[in-house]
Amino acid sequence: MIQLVAFLLDEQQFAVHLSSVEGVVRIVEITPLPKAPDIVSGIINYKGAIIPVMNVRRRCNIQEREIELSDQLIIANTARRTVALHVDHVNGVIDRLQDHIIDAKAILPELPYIEGVIKLEDGMILIHNLDQFLSLEEEKMLGEAMAAHIKEGHQAEGKKKRRKR
């Protein structure tokens, strides 16, 4: 049995493994992150940690739209970092037998970030592999952009302290 967190982007259903999900929160203000890959909308502060927000619409070639107050962020862990996935709506946790999941390589070999497909009577659910969501080049760019942001933050903090003296 596999447990997945299902979510919507427009009318298309997607899912990620429940074991990688830390939580789901309402959308918050996203701060731009210069020099980040196009797939990254920006960063947020989540429980004191700065984490990147992934634009799942861009990755899946779904038409972008304005952020709505009902949007949600799935806070999830990849092998390399914690990320936030910007989604329209989280449907909840679903349970499926491993036998009911089709290996995506057989039908979607050009999409390495999709690891499986669940057929439904009225469509399908695409299961994301979060460890493959960013390419190695995107991962490197994101790491550099995050490091630059942290460095700039420390420099700005040092200037504030010097001014107070």
C-alpha atoms as a PDB file:
ATOM      1  CA  MET A   1       0.000   0.000   0.000  1.00  0.00           C
ATOM      2  CA  ILE A   2       1.311   3.440  -0.929  1.00  0.00           C
ATOM      3  CA  GLN A   3       0.067   6.681   0.643  1.00  0.00           C
ATOM      4  CA  LEU A   4       0.028   9.801  -1.491  1.00  0.00           C
ATOM      5  CA  VAL A   5      -0.954  13.431  -0.990  1.00  0.00           C
ATOM      6  CA  ALA A   6      -3.184  14.330  -3.946  1.00  0.00           C
ATOM      7  CA  PHE A   7      -3.492  17.879  -5.274  1.00  0.00           C
ATOM      8  CA  LEU A   8      -4.988  19.831  -8.153  1.00  0.00           C
ATOM      9  CA  LEU A   9      -3.614  22.214 -10.744  1.00  0.00           C
ATOM     10  CA  ASP A  10      -6.651  23.396 -12.702  1.00  0.00           C
ATOM     11  CA  GLU A  11      -8.511  20.118 -13.327  1.00  0.00           C
ATOM     12  CA  GLN A  12      -5.434  17.847 -13.474  1.00  0.00           C
ATOM     13  CA  GLN A  13      -4.697  15.689 -10.434  1.00  0.00           C
ATOM     14  CA  PHE A  14      -1.162  15.094  -9.189  1.00  0.00           C
ATOM     15  CA  ALA A  15       0.324  13.473  -6.100  1.00  0.00           C
ATOM     16  CA  VAL A  16       3.502  13.217  -4.034  1.00  0.00           C
ATOM     17  CA  HIS A  17       4.445  10.546  -1.520  1.00  0.00           C
ATOM     18  CA  LEU A  18       3.038  11.252   1.936  1.00  0.00           C
ATOM     19  CA  SER A  19       6.367  10.210   3.462  1.00  0.00           C
ATOM     20  CA  SER A  20       8.037  13.268   1.874  1.00  0.00           C
ATOM     21  CA  VAL A  21       5.377  15.760   3.015  1.00  0.00           C
ATOM     22  CA  GLU A  22       6.034  17.835   6.113  1.00  0.00           C
ATOM     23  CA  GLY A  23       2.816  19.833   5.982  1.00  0.00           C
ATOM     24  CA  VAL A  24       0.343  21.893   3.982  1.00  0.00           C
ATOM     25  CA  VAL A  25      -0.127  25.625   4.515  1.00  0.00           C
ATOM     26  CA  ARG A  26      -2.108  28.419   2.937  1.00  0.00           C
ATOM     27  CA  ILE A  27      -0.306  30.522   0.385  1.00  0.00           C
ATOM     28  CA  VAL A  28       1.879  33.285   1.830  1.00  0.00           C
ATOM     29  CA  GLU A  29       3.826  36.098   0.242  1.00  0.00           C
ATOM     30  CA  ILE A  30       6.610  34.732  -1.934  1.00  0.00           C
ATOM     31  CA  THR A  31       9.828  36.756  -2.016  1.00  0.00           C
ATOM     32  CA  PRO A  32      11.573  36.739  -5.417  1.00  0.00           C
ATOM     33  CA  LEU A  33      14.934  34.948  -5.550  1.00  0.00           C
ATOM     34  CA  PRO A  34      17.233  36.507  -8.168  1.00  0.00           C
ATOM     35  CA  LYS A  35      19.323  34.101 -10.281  1.00  0.00           C
ATOM     36  CA  ALA A  36      17.153  31.110  -9.337  1.00  0.00           C
ATOM     37  CA  PRO A  37      16.002  28.700 -12.056  1.00  0.00           C
ATOM     38  CA  ASP A  38      12.776  29.632 -13.848  1.00  0.00           C
ATOM     39  CA  ILE A  39      10.963  26.796 -12.057  1.00  0.00           C
ATOM     40  CA  VAL A  40      11.473  28.581  -8.702  1.00  0.00           C
ATOM     41  CA  SER A  41       8.890  31.290  -7.938  1.00  0.00           C
ATOM     42  CA  GLY A  42      10.872  32.596  -4.968  1.00  0.00           C
ATOM     43  CA  ILE A  43      11.352  31.824  -1.291  1.00  0.00           C
ATOM     44  CA  ILE A  44       9.293  31.782   1.891  1.00  0.00           C
ATOM     45  CA  ASN A  45      10.056  31.667   5.585  1.00  0.00           C
ATOM     46  CA  TYR A  46       8.627  28.432   6.984  1.00  0.00           C
ATOM     47  CA  LYS A  47       9.150  27.904  10.722  1.00  0.00           C
ATOM     48  CA  GLY A  48      12.299  30.021  10.623  1.00  0.00           C
ATOM     49  CA  ALA A  49      13.801  28.281   7.578  1.00  0.00           C
ATOM     50  CA  ILE A  50      14.110  29.873   4.148  1.00  0.00           C
ATOM     51  CA  ILE A  51      12.793  27.429   1.563  1.00  0.00           C
ATOM     52  CA  PRO A  52      12.302  27.712  -2.206  1.00  0.00           C
ATOM     53  CA  VAL A  53       8.822  27.666  -3.742  1.00  0.00           C
ATOM     54  CA  MET A  54       8.530  25.449  -6.812  1.00  0.00           C
ATOM     55  CA  ASN A  55       6.199  26.512  -9.597  1.00  0.00           C
ATOM     56  CA  VAL A  56       4.606  23.167 -10.445  1.00  0.00           C
ATOM     57  CA  ARG A  57       2.576  24.794 -13.252  1.00  0.00           C
ATOM     58  CA  ARG A  58       5.767  25.785 -15.081  1.00  0.00           C
ATOM     59  CA  ARG A  59       7.294  22.324 -14.643  1.00  0.00           C
ATOM     60  CA  CYS A  60       4.160  20.642 -15.973  1.00  0.00           C
ATOM     61  CA  ASN A  61       3.529  23.157 -18.775  1.00  0.00           C
ATOM     62  CA  ILE A  62       0.172  24.205 -17.346  1.00  0.00           C
ATOM     63  CA  GLN A  63      -0.918  27.760 -18.078  1.00  0.00           C
ATOM     64  CA  GLU A  64       0.028  30.085 -15.244  1.00  0.00           C
ATOM     65  CA  ARG A  65      -2.518  32.182 -13.421  1.00  0.00           C
ATOM     66  CA  GLU A  66      -2.576  34.815 -10.699  1.00  0.00           C
ATOM     67  CA  ILE A  67      -2.088  33.581  -7.133  1.00  0.00           C
ATOM     68  CA  GLU A  68      -5.417  33.118  -5.349  1.00  0.00           C
ATOM     69  CA  LEU A  69      -6.010  33.278  -1.599  1.00  0.00           C
ATOM     70  CA  SER A  70      -7.248  29.673  -1.709  1.00  0.00           C
ATOM     71  CA  ASP A  71      -3.926  28.377  -3.117  1.00  0.00           C
ATOM     72  CA  GLN A  72      -1.823  26.135  -0.905  1.00  0.00           C
ATOM     73  CA  LEU A  73       1.812  25.192  -0.395  1.00  0.00           C
ATOM     74  CA  ILE A  74       2.856  21.596   0.166  1.00  0.00           C
ATOM     75  CA  ILE A  75       6.005  21.615   2.285  1.00  0.00           C
ATOM     76  CA  ALA A  76       7.988  18.563   1.230  1.00  0.00           C
ATOM     77  CA  ASN A  77      11.451  17.086   1.604  1.00  0.00           C
ATOM     78  CA  THR A  78      13.594  16.006  -1.308  1.00  0.00           C
ATOM     79  CA  ALA A  79      16.894  14.161  -0.946  1.00  0.00           C
ATOM     80  CA  ARG A  80      18.678  17.538  -1.079  1.00  0.00           C
ATOM     81  CA  ARG A  81      16.426  20.141   0.554  1.00  0.00           C
ATOM     82  CA  THR A  82      12.996  21.136   1.832  1.00  0.00           C
ATOM     83  CA  VAL A  83      10.796  22.794  -0.803  1.00  0.00           C
ATOM     84  CA  ALA A  84       7.308  24.262  -1.085  1.00  0.00           C
ATOM     85  CA  LEU A  85       5.110  23.178  -3.990  1.00  0.00           C
ATOM     86  CA  HIS A  86       2.615  25.863  -5.019  1.00  0.00           C
ATOM     87  CA  VAL A  87      -0.679  24.098  -5.829  1.00  0.00           C
ATOM     88  CA  ASP A  88      -4.291  25.117  -6.362  1.00  0.00           C
ATOM     89  CA  HIS A  89      -5.791  22.750  -3.805  1.00  0.00           C
ATOM     90  CA  VAL A  90      -4.749  19.728  -1.742  1.00  0.00           C
ATOM     91  CA  ASN A  91      -7.363  16.968  -1.969  1.00  0.00           C
ATOM     92  CA  GLY A  92      -5.977  14.899   0.884  1.00  0.00           C
ATOM     93  CA  VAL A  93      -4.280  11.549   1.388  1.00  0.00           C
ATOM     94  CA  ILE A  94      -5.087   8.613  -0.855  1.00  0.00           C
ATOM     95  CA  ASP A  95      -4.063   4.969  -0.475  1.00  0.00           C
ATOM     96  CA  ARG A  96      -3.268   2.794  -3.478  1.00  0.00           C
ATOM     97  CA  LEU A  97      -1.850  -0.665  -3.925  1.00  0.00           C
ATOM     98  CA  GLN A  98       1.538  -0.635  -5.655  1.00  0.00           C
ATOM     99  CA  ASP A  99      -0.018  -2.889  -8.347  1.00  0.00           C
ATOM    100  CA  HIS A 100      -2.444  -0.089  -9.324  1.00  0.00           C
ATOM    101  CA  ILE A 101       0.358   2.345 -10.166  1.00  0.00           C
ATOM    102  CA  ILE A 102       1.688   2.304 -13.720  1.00  0.00           C
ATOM    103  CA  ASP A 103       5.398   3.046 -14.145  1.00  0.00           C
ATOM    104  CA  ALA A 104       5.581   6.423 -15.905  1.00  0.00           C
ATOM    105  CA  LYS A 105       8.662   5.431 -17.926  1.00  0.00           C
ATOM    106  CA  ALA A 106       6.404   3.211 -20.006  1.00  0.00           C
ATOM    107  CA  ILE A 107       4.028   6.014 -21.030  1.00  0.00           C
ATOM    108  CA  LEU A 108       5.797   9.329 -20.204  1.00  0.00           C
ATOM    109  CA  PRO A 109       9.538   8.652 -20.676  1.00  0.00           C
ATOM    110  CA  GLU A 110      10.264  12.322 -21.457  1.00  0.00           C
ATOM    111  CA  LEU A 111       9.084  13.435 -17.989  1.00  0.00           C
ATOM    112  CA  PRO A 112      11.642  12.135 -15.453  1.00  0.00           C
ATOM    113  CA  TYR A 113       9.928  13.978 -12.588  1.00  0.00           C
ATOM    114  CA  ILE A 114       6.772  11.842 -13.046  1.00  0.00           C
ATOM    115  CA  GLU A 115       7.355   8.400 -11.536  1.00  0.00           C
ATOM    116  CA  GLY A 116       3.931   6.844 -11.819  1.00  0.00           C
ATOM    117  CA  VAL A 117       0.373   7.143 -13.065  1.00  0.00           C
ATOM    118  CA  ILE A 118      -2.855   6.051 -11.413  1.00  0.00           C
ATOM    119  CA  LYS A 119      -5.785   5.492 -13.773  1.00  0.00           C
ATOM    120  CA  LEU A 120      -9.137   6.791 -12.583  1.00  0.00           C
ATOM    121  CA  GLU A 121     -12.577   6.442 -14.146  1.00  0.00           C
ATOM    122  CA  ASP A 122     -12.545  10.154 -14.985  1.00  0.00           C
ATOM    123  CA  GLY A 123      -8.851  10.761 -15.657  1.00  0.00           C
ATOM    124  CA  MET A 124      -5.521  10.036 -14.031  1.00  0.00           C
ATOM    125  CA  ILE A 125      -3.218  11.097 -11.221  1.00  0.00           C
ATOM    126  CA  LEU A 126       0.415  11.829 -12.074  1.00  0.00           C
ATOM    127  CA  ILE A 127       2.795  11.003  -9.218  1.00  0.00           C
ATOM    128  CA  HIS A 128       5.766  13.366  -8.864  1.00  0.00           C
ATOM    129  CA  ASN A 129       9.245  12.151  -7.978  1.00  0.00           C
ATOM    130  CA  LEU A 130      10.456  15.152  -5.981  1.00  0.00           C
ATOM    131  CA  ASP A 131      14.082  14.034  -6.171  1.00  0.00           C
ATOM    132  CA  GLN A 132      13.866  14.400  -9.972  1.00  0.00           C
ATOM    133  CA  PHE A 133      11.754  17.593  -9.952  1.00  0.00           C
ATOM    134  CA  LEU A 134      14.817  19.794 -10.567  1.00  0.00           C
ATOM    135  CA  SER A 135      17.498  18.926 -13.103  1.00  0.00           C
ATOM    136  CA  LEU A 136      21.086  18.849 -11.840  1.00  0.00           C
ATOM    137  CA  GLU A 137      21.704  22.231 -13.501  1.00  0.00           C
ATOM    138  CA  GLU A 138      18.568  23.730 -11.884  1.00  0.00           C
ATOM    139  CA  GLU A 139      19.601  22.282  -8.517  1.00  0.00           C
ATOM    140  CA  LYS A 140      23.035  23.885  -8.852  1.00  0.00           C
ATOM    141  CA  MET A 141      21.541  27.266  -9.857  1.00  0.00           C
ATOM    142  CA  LEU A 142      19.120  27.118  -6.922  1.00  0.00           C
ATOM    143  CA  GLY A 143      21.911  26.296  -4.475  1.00  0.00           C
ATOM    144  CA  GLU A 144      23.958  29.256  -5.719  1.00  0.00           C
ATOM    145  CA  ALA A 145      20.962  31.622  -5.606  1.00  0.00           C
ATOM    146  CA  MET A 146      20.077  30.517  -2.056  1.00  0.00           C
ATOM    147  CA  ALA A 147      23.706  30.927  -0.915  1.00  0.00           C
ATOM    148  CA  ALA A 148      23.851  34.421  -2.455  1.00  0.00           C
ATOM    149  CA  HIS A 149      20.577  35.367  -0.728  1.00  0.00           C
ATOM    150  CA  ILE A 150      21.855  34.174   2.644  1.00  0.00           C
ATOM    151  CA  LYS A 151      25.170  35.991   2.146  1.00  0.00           C
ATOM    152  CA  GLU A 152      23.353  39.234   1.231  1.00  0.00           C
ATOM    153  CA  GLY A 153      21.158  38.844   4.307  1.00  0.00           C
ATOM    154  CA  HIS A 154      24.196  38.471   6.563  1.00  0.00           C
ATOM    155  CA  GLN A 155      25.879  41.497   4.966  1.00  0.00           C
ATOM    156  CA  ALA A 156      22.730  43.610   5.423  1.00  0.00           C
ATOM    157  CA  GLU A 157      22.470  42.457   9.049  1.00  0.00           C
ATOM    158  CA  GLY A 158      26.096  43.478   9.677  1.00  0.00           C
ATOM    159  CA  LYS A 159      25.467  46.952   8.218  1.00  0.00           C
ATOM    160  CA  LYS A 160      22.426  47.425  10.492  1.00  0.00           C
ATOM    161  CA  LYS A 161      24.477  46.499  13.557  1.00  0.00           C
ATOM    162  CA  ARG A 162      27.283  48.922  12.596  1.00  0.00           C
ATOM    163  CA  ARG A 163      24.761  51.765  12.121  1.00  0.00           C
ATOM    164  CA  LYS A 164      23.271  51.205  15.591  1.00  0.00           C
ATOM    165  CA  ARG A 165      26.667  51.727  17.255  1.00  0.00           C
END
